[in-house]
Amino acid sequence: MNLAKKSLCRLLVVSVTCLSIHCARAEMIATEQAVTVSAQASRQALLAYLGRADVASQLHSLGVERTLAAQRVAAISDEEIDTLMGKLSSLPAAGQMSGGGTSSGGYAGGGSAFLVVLVLALLVVWLIYIATPRSPAETLNSSF
């Protein structure tokens, strides 16, 4: 039982030290700045969508070069970008565009996957600890 406690403590120490701890900072920003960042992210997501092989081949079959489409995306307004992104996301076969779409900012979910694996590992260790048979004397004399 003592070995189980030591192993559990070591696992917890290693998991806490391996997790990256980020400091959050909040500041007030102007509405125009937030809209500009959102519009730039939408524009980049649309350009990434145009860069996909299936989209590029469809554009080419329609007689539109990718560079011309990218120039058009660069020239349209932010409102038009938002409208186009809304239409693309509402299509039944649209799915998530390469580059992460506008909601995730293009970040992969590696941190959350690590956290899920860590929680599952801790759950297994805890279940093993609970399932180990102990004598009544150990149970009464042990202190947590």
Protein backbone atom coordinates (compact mmCIF):
# COMPACT_ATOMS: atom_id res chain seq x y z
CA MET A 1 0.00 0.00 0.00
CA ASN A 2 2.84 2.36 0.79
CA LEU A 3 4.27 1.64 -2.66
CA ALA A 4 0.92 2.54 -4.24
CA LYS A 5 0.82 5.88 -2.39
CA LYS A 6 4.40 6.69 -3.40
CA SER A 7 3.71 5.77 -7.01
CA LEU A 8 0.55 7.86 -7.07
CA CYS A 9 2.37 10.83 -5.56
CA ARG A 10 5.22 10.51 -8.05
CA LEU A 11 2.77 10.31 -10.94
CA LEU A 12 0.98 13.42 -9.72
CA VAL A 13 4.25 15.34 -9.29
CA VAL A 14 5.41 14.39 -12.79
CA SER A 15 2.05 15.26 -14.34
CA VAL A 16 1.91 18.66 -12.66
CA THR A 17 5.46 19.53 -13.66
CA CYS A 18 4.94 18.37 -17.26
CA LEU A 19 1.77 20.38 -17.81
CA SER A 20 2.45 23.73 -19.34
CA ILE A 21 0.99 26.41 -17.14
CA HIS A 22 0.06 29.58 -18.97
CA CYS A 23 -0.62 32.93 -17.44
CA ALA A 24 -3.75 34.62 -18.76
CA ARG A 25 -3.78 38.34 -19.34
CA ALA A 26 -6.80 40.42 -20.20
CA GLU A 27 -6.81 43.90 -21.64
CA MET A 28 -9.43 46.16 -23.09
CA ILE A 29 -9.33 46.44 -26.87
CA ALA A 30 -11.26 48.59 -29.27
CA THR A 31 -14.14 47.07 -31.21
CA GLU A 32 -12.44 47.91 -34.49
CA GLN A 33 -9.37 45.94 -33.45
CA ALA A 34 -11.46 42.87 -32.56
CA VAL A 35 -13.37 43.05 -35.83
CA THR A 36 -10.12 43.43 -37.80
CA VAL A 37 -8.59 40.37 -36.14
CA SER A 38 -11.75 38.35 -36.81
CA ALA A 39 -11.89 39.49 -40.42
CA GLN A 40 -8.21 38.65 -40.96
CA ALA A 41 -8.76 35.17 -39.49
CA SER A 42 -11.77 34.62 -41.74
CA ARG A 43 -9.82 35.85 -44.77
CA GLN A 44 -6.92 33.49 -43.97
CA ALA A 45 -9.33 30.58 -43.48
CA LEU A 46 -10.94 31.32 -46.84
CA LEU A 47 -7.54 31.47 -48.54
CA ALA A 48 -6.64 28.13 -46.93
CA TYR A 49 -9.92 26.72 -48.23
CA LEU A 50 -9.06 27.92 -51.74
CA GLY A 51 -5.67 26.24 -51.42
CA ARG A 52 -7.20 22.78 -50.98
CA ALA A 53 -6.55 20.44 -53.90
CA ASP A 54 -10.21 19.57 -54.50
CA VAL A 55 -11.29 23.22 -54.45
CA ALA A 56 -8.39 24.24 -56.71
CA SER A 57 -9.27 21.50 -59.22
CA GLN A 58 -12.94 22.56 -59.18
CA LEU A 59 -11.95 26.19 -59.76
CA HIS A 60 -9.62 25.12 -62.57
CA SER A 61 -12.41 23.09 -64.19
CA LEU A 62 -14.56 26.24 -64.10
CA GLY A 63 -11.76 28.22 -65.76
CA VAL A 64 -10.75 30.22 -62.66
CA GLU A 65 -7.11 30.29 -61.63
CA ARG A 66 -6.29 30.06 -57.93
CA THR A 67 -4.27 33.29 -58.03
CA LEU A 68 -7.24 35.17 -59.48
CA ALA A 69 -9.50 33.78 -56.74
CA ALA A 70 -6.96 34.76 -54.07
CA GLN A 71 -6.78 38.28 -55.50
CA ARG A 72 -10.56 38.49 -55.39
CA VAL A 73 -10.60 37.35 -51.75
CA ALA A 74 -8.03 40.04 -50.94
CA ALA A 75 -10.18 42.68 -52.65
CA ILE A 76 -13.59 41.96 -51.09
CA SER A 77 -14.84 43.65 -47.94
CA ASP A 78 -14.93 42.17 -44.46
CA GLU A 79 -18.73 41.93 -44.55
CA GLU A 80 -18.56 39.94 -47.79
CA ILE A 81 -15.95 37.64 -46.23
CA ASP A 82 -18.24 37.01 -43.24
CA THR A 83 -21.20 36.33 -45.54
CA LEU A 84 -19.17 33.93 -47.65
CA MET A 85 -17.79 32.12 -44.59
CA GLY A 86 -21.33 31.79 -43.23
CA LYS A 87 -22.52 30.27 -46.50
CA LEU A 88 -19.55 27.88 -46.61
CA SER A 89 -20.08 26.71 -43.05
CA SER A 90 -23.79 26.13 -43.63
CA LEU A 91 -23.21 23.79 -46.58
CA PRO A 92 -23.93 20.15 -45.67
CA ALA A 93 -20.59 18.83 -46.97
CA ALA A 94 -18.49 21.77 -45.80
CA GLY A 95 -17.12 20.30 -42.58
CA GLN A 96 -14.13 22.02 -41.08
CA MET A 97 -11.84 23.77 -43.50
CA SER A 98 -8.12 23.08 -43.50
CA GLY A 99 -6.37 25.54 -41.26
CA GLY A 100 -8.79 25.04 -38.38
CA GLY A 101 -11.63 27.25 -39.55
CA THR A 102 -12.43 30.53 -37.89
CA SER A 103 -13.52 29.22 -34.52
CA SER A 104 -10.38 27.38 -33.44
CA GLY A 105 -7.82 29.73 -34.94
CA GLY A 106 -5.98 26.85 -36.59
CA TYR A 107 -4.68 25.33 -33.39
CA ALA A 108 -4.51 21.58 -33.05
CA GLY A 109 -6.12 19.91 -30.03
CA GLY A 110 -2.95 18.25 -28.76
CA GLY A 111 -3.16 19.80 -25.30
CA SER A 112 -6.64 18.54 -24.64
CA ALA A 113 -5.73 15.05 -25.87
CA PHE A 114 -2.81 14.99 -23.43
CA LEU A 115 -5.11 16.07 -20.62
CA VAL A 116 -7.61 13.31 -21.42
CA VAL A 117 -4.86 10.68 -21.43
CA LEU A 118 -3.53 12.03 -18.15
CA VAL A 119 -6.95 11.91 -16.48
CA LEU A 120 -7.52 8.37 -17.73
CA ALA A 121 -4.11 7.28 -16.40
CA LEU A 122 -4.87 8.81 -13.01
CA LEU A 123 -8.25 7.10 -12.98
CA VAL A 124 -6.63 3.71 -13.68
CA VAL A 125 -4.08 4.26 -10.91
CA TRP A 126 -6.82 5.26 -8.50
CA LEU A 127 -8.92 2.20 -9.40
CA ILE A 128 -5.90 -0.06 -8.88
CA TYR A 129 -5.30 1.59 -5.52
CA ILE A 130 -8.93 1.08 -4.48
CA ALA A 131 -8.96 -2.53 -5.73
CA THR A 132 -5.84 -3.65 -3.83
CA PRO A 133 -6.84 -5.77 -0.87
CA ARG A 134 -5.75 -4.47 2.51
CA SER A 135 -5.91 -6.03 5.90
CA PRO A 136 -8.13 -4.35 8.51
CA ALA A 137 -5.06 -3.41 10.55
CA GLU A 138 -3.57 -1.49 7.61
CA THR A 139 -6.83 0.30 6.98
CA LEU A 140 -7.15 1.48 10.58
CA ASN A 141 -3.50 2.49 10.97
CA SER A 142 -3.08 4.24 7.64
CA SER A 143 -3.40 7.97 7.45
CA PHE A 144 -3.96 9.76 4.19
